PDB file of all heavy atoms in Angstrom:
ATOM      1  N   CYS A   1      54.683 -11.464  38.183  1.00  0.00           N
ATOM      2  CA  CYS A   1      54.721 -12.919  38.112  1.00  0.00           C
ATOM      3  C   CYS A   1      53.527 -13.550  38.827  1.00  0.00           C
ATOM      4  O   CYS A   1      52.938 -12.965  39.728  1.00  0.00           O
ATOM      5  CB  CYS A   1      56.019 -13.447  38.719  1.00  0.00           C
ATOM      6  SG  CYS A   1      57.497 -13.010  37.790  1.00  0.00           S
ATOM      7  N   VAL A   2      53.201 -14.756  38.389  1.00  0.00           N
ATOM      8  CA  VAL A   2      52.150 -15.561  39.001  1.00  0.00           C
ATOM      9  C   VAL A   2      52.765 -16.898  39.378  1.00  0.00           C
ATOM     10  O   VAL A   2      53.556 -17.459  38.614  1.00  0.00           O
ATOM     11  CB  VAL A   2      50.978 -15.764  38.017  1.00  0.00           C
ATOM     12  CG1 VAL A   2      49.976 -16.768  38.562  1.00  0.00           C
ATOM     13  CG2 VAL A   2      50.300 -14.435  37.727  1.00  0.00           C
ATOM     14  N   ASN A   3      52.429 -17.413  40.568  1.00  0.00           N
ATOM     15  CA  ASN A   3      53.014 -18.689  40.993  1.00  0.00           C
ATOM     16  C   ASN A   3      51.948 -19.760  41.155  1.00  0.00           C
ATOM     17  O   ASN A   3      50.785 -19.471  41.421  1.00  0.00           O
ATOM     18  CB  ASN A   3      53.822 -18.518  42.288  1.00  0.00           C
ATOM     19  CG  ASN A   3      52.942 -18.235  43.498  1.00  0.00           C
ATOM     20  OD1 ASN A   3      52.398 -19.154  44.108  1.00  0.00           O
ATOM     21  ND2 ASN A   3      52.817 -16.947  43.857  1.00  0.00           N
ATOM     22  N   LEU A   4      52.374 -20.998  40.964  1.00  0.00           N
ATOM     23  CA  LEU A   4      51.516 -22.165  41.112  1.00  0.00           C
ATOM     24  C   LEU A   4      52.234 -23.167  42.004  1.00  0.00           C
ATOM     25  O   LEU A   4      53.380 -23.536  41.726  1.00  0.00           O
ATOM     26  CB  LEU A   4      51.217 -22.785  39.749  1.00  0.00           C
ATOM     27  CG  LEU A   4      50.517 -24.149  39.733  1.00  0.00           C
ATOM     28  CD1 LEU A   4      49.113 -24.038  40.319  1.00  0.00           C
ATOM     29  CD2 LEU A   4      50.468 -24.714  38.325  1.00  0.00           C
ATOM     30  N   VAL A   5      51.588 -23.593  43.075  1.00  0.00           N
ATOM     31  CA  VAL A   5      52.201 -24.522  44.030  1.00  0.00           C
ATOM     32  C   VAL A   5      51.407 -25.816  44.046  1.00  0.00           C
ATOM     33  O   VAL A   5      50.178 -25.797  44.166  1.00  0.00           O
ATOM     34  CB  VAL A   5      52.222 -23.926  45.453  1.00  0.00           C
ATOM     35  CG1 VAL A   5      52.824 -24.918  46.442  1.00  0.00           C
ATOM     36  CG2 VAL A   5      53.002 -22.626  45.471  1.00  0.00           C
ATOM     37  N   TYR A   6      52.109 -26.933  43.895  1.00  0.00           N
ATOM     38  CA  TYR A   6      51.477 -28.239  44.066  1.00  0.00           C
ATOM     39  C   TYR A   6      52.409 -29.115  44.885  1.00  0.00           C
ATOM     40  O   TYR A   6      53.416 -29.607  44.389  1.00  0.00           O
ATOM     41  CB  TYR A   6      51.168 -28.895  42.720  1.00  0.00           C
ATOM     42  CG  TYR A   6      50.510 -30.249  42.879  1.00  0.00           C
ATOM     43  CD1 TYR A   6      49.202 -30.345  43.354  1.00  0.00           C
ATOM     44  CD2 TYR A   6      51.196 -31.412  42.597  1.00  0.00           C
ATOM     45  CE1 TYR A   6      48.605 -31.575  43.531  1.00  0.00           C
ATOM     46  CE2 TYR A   6      50.599 -32.654  42.770  1.00  0.00           C
ATOM     47  CZ  TYR A   6      49.308 -32.722  43.240  1.00  0.00           C
ATOM     48  OH  TYR A   6      48.715 -33.950  43.422  1.00  0.00           O
ATOM     49  N   VAL A   7      52.091 -29.266  46.153  1.00  0.00           N
ATOM     50  CA  VAL A   7      52.888 -30.004  47.136  1.00  0.00           C
ATOM     51  C   VAL A   7      54.311 -29.441  47.137  1.00  0.00           C
ATOM     52  O   VAL A   7      54.518 -28.322  47.584  1.00  0.00           O
ATOM     53  CB  VAL A   7      52.871 -31.518  46.868  1.00  0.00           C
ATOM     54  CG1 VAL A   7      53.413 -32.271  48.085  1.00  0.00           C
ATOM     55  CG2 VAL A   7      51.444 -31.995  46.584  1.00  0.00           C
ATOM     56  N   TYR A   8      55.293 -30.148  46.580  1.00  0.00           N
ATOM     57  CA  TYR A   8      56.668 -29.644  46.577  1.00  0.00           C
ATOM     58  C   TYR A   8      57.075 -29.070  45.223  1.00  0.00           C
ATOM     59  O   TYR A   8      58.239 -28.776  44.994  1.00  0.00           O
ATOM     60  CB  TYR A   8      57.660 -30.742  46.988  1.00  0.00           C
ATOM     61  CG  TYR A   8      57.413 -32.069  46.344  1.00  0.00           C
ATOM     62  CD1 TYR A   8      57.799 -32.309  45.028  1.00  0.00           C
ATOM     63  CD2 TYR A   8      56.793 -33.089  47.038  1.00  0.00           C
ATOM     64  CE1 TYR A   8      57.568 -33.521  44.428  1.00  0.00           C
ATOM     65  CE2 TYR A   8      56.547 -34.314  46.446  1.00  0.00           C
ATOM     66  CZ  TYR A   8      56.941 -34.534  45.138  1.00  0.00           C
ATOM     67  OH  TYR A   8      56.693 -35.746  44.539  1.00  0.00           O
ATOM     68  N   ASN A   9      56.121 -28.953  44.311  1.00  0.00           N
ATOM     69  CA  ASN A   9      56.406 -28.359  43.003  1.00  0.00           C
ATOM     70  C   ASN A   9      56.061 -26.871  43.015  1.00  0.00           C
ATOM     71  O   ASN A   9      55.066 -26.463  43.617  1.00  0.00           O
ATOM     72  CB  ASN A   9      55.572 -29.040  41.914  1.00  0.00           C
ATOM     73  CG  ASN A   9      55.909 -30.509  41.749  1.00  0.00           C
ATOM     74  OD1 ASN A   9      56.866 -30.862  41.075  1.00  0.00           O
ATOM     75  ND2 ASN A   9      55.132 -31.369  42.388  1.00  0.00           N
ATOM     76  N   LEU A  10      56.860 -26.076  42.330  1.00  0.00           N
ATOM     77  CA  LEU A  10      56.616 -24.643  42.194  1.00  0.00           C
ATOM     78  C   LEU A  10      56.835 -24.245  40.743  1.00  0.00           C
ATOM     79  O   LEU A  10      57.869 -24.551  40.150  1.00  0.00           O
ATOM     80  CB  LEU A  10      57.551 -23.833  43.095  1.00  0.00           C
ATOM     81  CG  LEU A  10      57.528 -22.318  42.879  1.00  0.00           C
ATOM     82  CD1 LEU A  10      56.168 -21.726  43.251  1.00  0.00           C
ATOM     83  CD2 LEU A  10      58.647 -21.635  43.661  1.00  0.00           C
ATOM     84  N   VAL A  11      55.834 -23.571  40.182  1.00  0.00           N
ATOM     85  CA  VAL A  11      55.944 -23.039  38.834  1.00  0.00           C
ATOM     86  C   VAL A  11      55.704 -21.533  38.910  1.00  0.00           C
ATOM     87  O   VAL A  11      54.752 -21.088  39.561  1.00  0.00           O
ATOM     88  CB  VAL A  11      54.905 -23.678  37.874  1.00  0.00           C
ATOM     89  CG1 VAL A  11      55.094 -23.155  36.459  1.00  0.00           C
ATOM     90  CG2 VAL A  11      55.000 -25.196  37.913  1.00  0.00           C
ATOM     91  N   VAL A  12      56.574 -20.758  38.273  1.00  0.00           N
ATOM     92  CA  VAL A  12      56.434 -19.301  38.247  1.00  0.00           C
ATOM     93  C   VAL A  12      56.235 -18.866  36.803  1.00  0.00           C
ATOM     94  O   VAL A  12      57.044 -19.189  35.927  1.00  0.00           O
ATOM     95  CB  VAL A  12      57.667 -18.593  38.858  1.00  0.00           C
ATOM     96  CG1 VAL A  12      57.511 -17.078  38.759  1.00  0.00           C
ATOM     97  CG2 VAL A  12      57.851 -19.016  40.308  1.00  0.00           C
ATOM     98  N   PHE A  13      55.141 -18.149  36.551  1.00  0.00           N
ATOM     99  CA  PHE A  13      54.844 -17.623  35.219  1.00  0.00           C
ATOM    100  C   PHE A  13      55.124 -16.126  35.203  1.00  0.00           C
ATOM    101  O   PHE A  13      54.858 -15.422  36.198  1.00  0.00           O
ATOM    102  CB  PHE A  13      53.370 -17.845  34.864  1.00  0.00           C
ATOM    103  CG  PHE A  13      52.948 -19.289  34.856  1.00  0.00           C
ATOM    104  CD1 PHE A  13      52.405 -19.865  35.995  1.00  0.00           C
ATOM    105  CD2 PHE A  13      53.096 -20.052  33.715  1.00  0.00           C
ATOM    106  CE1 PHE A  13      52.009 -21.195  35.989  1.00  0.00           C
ATOM    107  CE2 PHE A  13      52.708 -21.384  33.698  1.00  0.00           C
ATOM    108  CZ  PHE A  13      52.156 -21.960  34.841  1.00  0.00           C
ATOM    109  N   GLY A  14      55.622 -15.638  34.084  1.00  0.00           N
ATOM    110  CA  GLY A  14      55.875 -14.209  33.965  1.00  0.00           C
ATOM    111  C   GLY A  14      56.203 -13.841  32.535  1.00  0.00           C
ATOM    112  O   GLY A  14      56.361 -14.715  31.667  1.00  0.00           O
ATOM    113  N   THR A  15      56.333 -12.552  32.286  1.00  0.00           N
ATOM    114  CA  THR A  15      56.656 -12.064  30.941  1.00  0.00           C
ATOM    115  C   THR A  15      58.118 -11.641  30.817  1.00  0.00           C
ATOM    116  O   THR A  15      58.554 -11.275  29.724  1.00  0.00           O
ATOM    117  CB  THR A  15      55.752 -10.877  30.583  1.00  0.00           C
ATOM    118  OG1 THR A  15      55.898  -9.861  31.577  1.00  0.00           O
ATOM    119  CG2 THR A  15      54.290 -11.304  30.533  1.00  0.00           C
ATOM    120  N   CYS A  16      58.860 -11.693  31.905  1.00  0.00           N
ATOM    121  CA  CYS A  16      60.278 -11.309  31.903  1.00  0.00           C
ATOM    122  C   CYS A  16      61.112 -12.465  32.433  1.00  0.00           C
ATOM    123  O   CYS A  16      60.934 -12.892  33.581  1.00  0.00           O
ATOM    124  CB  CYS A  16      60.496 -10.056  32.755  1.00  0.00           C
ATOM    125  SG  CYS A  16      62.235  -9.585  32.939  1.00  0.00           S
ATOM    126  N   GLN A  17      62.026 -12.974  31.622  1.00  0.00           N
ATOM    127  CA  GLN A  17      62.831 -14.130  32.008  1.00  0.00           C
ATOM    128  C   GLN A  17      63.682 -13.836  33.241  1.00  0.00           C
ATOM    129  O   GLN A  17      63.794 -14.673  34.147  1.00  0.00           O
ATOM    130  CB  GLN A  17      63.731 -14.549  30.853  1.00  0.00           C
ATOM    131  CG  GLN A  17      64.603 -15.759  31.168  1.00  0.00           C
ATOM    132  CD  GLN A  17      65.442 -16.203  29.980  1.00  0.00           C
ATOM    133  OE1 GLN A  17      65.323 -15.660  28.891  1.00  0.00           O
ATOM    134  NE2 GLN A  17      66.296 -17.189  30.180  1.00  0.00           N
ATOM    135  N   VAL A  18      64.262 -12.656  33.298  1.00  0.00           N
ATOM    136  CA  VAL A  18      65.124 -12.299  34.436  1.00  0.00           C
ATOM    137  C   VAL A  18      64.325 -12.295  35.730  1.00  0.00           C
ATOM    138  O   VAL A  18      64.773 -12.813  36.768  1.00  0.00           O
ATOM    139  CB  VAL A  18      65.775 -10.921  34.196  1.00  0.00           C
ATOM    140  CG1 VAL A  18      66.567 -10.484  35.427  1.00  0.00           C
ATOM    141  CG2 VAL A  18      66.696 -10.972  32.975  1.00  0.00           C
ATOM    142  N   THR A  19      63.133 -11.739  35.691  1.00  0.00           N
ATOM    143  CA  THR A  19      62.298 -11.672  36.887  1.00  0.00           C
ATOM    144  C   THR A  19      61.873 -13.059  37.349  1.00  0.00           C
ATOM    145  O   THR A  19      61.897 -13.366  38.544  1.00  0.00           O
ATOM    146  CB  THR A  19      61.049 -10.808  36.625  1.00  0.00           C
ATOM    147  OG1 THR A  19      61.465  -9.518  36.182  1.00  0.00           O
ATOM    148  CG2 THR A  19      60.210 -10.676  37.879  1.00  0.00           C
ATOM    149  N   VAL A  20      61.479 -13.907  36.407  1.00  0.00           N
ATOM    150  CA  VAL A  20      61.067 -15.268  36.759  1.00  0.00           C
ATOM    151  C   VAL A  20      62.219 -16.035  37.394  1.00  0.00           C
ATOM    152  O   VAL A  20      62.052 -16.696  38.427  1.00  0.00           O
ATOM    153  CB  VAL A  20      60.543 -16.014  35.511  1.00  0.00           C
ATOM    154  CG1 VAL A  20      60.330 -17.494  35.822  1.00  0.00           C
ATOM    155  CG2 VAL A  20      59.251 -15.388  35.035  1.00  0.00           C
ATOM    156  N   ASP A  21      63.399 -15.947  36.801  1.00  0.00           N
ATOM    157  CA  ASP A  21      64.565 -16.635  37.362  1.00  0.00           C
ATOM    158  C   ASP A  21      64.895 -16.110  38.757  1.00  0.00           C
ATOM    159  O   ASP A  21      65.275 -16.882  39.654  1.00  0.00           O
ATOM    160  CB  ASP A  21      65.774 -16.457  36.447  1.00  0.00           C
ATOM    161  CG  ASP A  21      65.728 -17.382  35.234  1.00  0.00           C
ATOM    162  OD1 ASP A  21      65.065 -18.434  35.316  1.00  0.00           O
ATOM    163  OD2 ASP A  21      66.344 -17.042  34.200  1.00  0.00           O
ATOM    164  N   ALA A  22      64.744 -14.816  38.961  1.00  0.00           N
ATOM    165  CA  ALA A  22      65.028 -14.228  40.273  1.00  0.00           C
ATOM    166  C   ALA A  22      64.055 -14.742  41.324  1.00  0.00           C
ATOM    167  O   ALA A  22      64.450 -15.046  42.463  1.00  0.00           O
ATOM    168  CB  ALA A  22      64.965 -12.702  40.183  1.00  0.00           C
ATOM    169  N   GLU A  23      62.777 -14.862  40.972  1.00  0.00           N
ATOM    170  CA  GLU A  23      61.777 -15.360  41.925  1.00  0.00           C
ATOM    171  C   GLU A  23      62.014 -16.837  42.234  1.00  0.00           C
ATOM    172  O   GLU A  23      61.856 -17.285  43.381  1.00  0.00           O
ATOM    173  CB  GLU A  23      60.363 -15.159  41.368  1.00  0.00           C
ATOM    174  CG  GLU A  23      59.951 -13.711  41.221  1.00  0.00           C
ATOM    175  CD  GLU A  23      59.917 -12.979  42.556  1.00  0.00           C
ATOM    176  OE1 GLU A  23      59.691 -13.640  43.599  1.00  0.00           O
ATOM    177  OE2 GLU A  23      60.141 -11.751  42.563  1.00  0.00           O
ATOM    178  N   LEU A  24      62.407 -17.605  41.224  1.00  0.00           N
ATOM    179  CA  LEU A  24      62.714 -19.010  41.447  1.00  0.00           C
ATOM    180  C   LEU A  24      63.910 -19.181  42.378  1.00  0.00           C
ATOM    181  O   LEU A  24      63.931 -20.065  43.235  1.00  0.00           O
ATOM    182  CB  LEU A  24      62.993 -19.706  40.107  1.00  0.00           C
ATOM    183  CG  LEU A  24      61.789 -19.993  39.223  1.00  0.00           C
ATOM    184  CD1 LEU A  24      62.245 -20.463  37.845  1.00  0.00           C
ATOM    185  CD2 LEU A  24      60.883 -21.035  39.855  1.00  0.00           C
TER     186      LEU A  24
END
């Protein structure tokens, strides 16, 4: 996964839905 942070926003990119949800 790759993450993007902007102040209080967080976006997580990935190729596996389960993994992205787990990181979030």
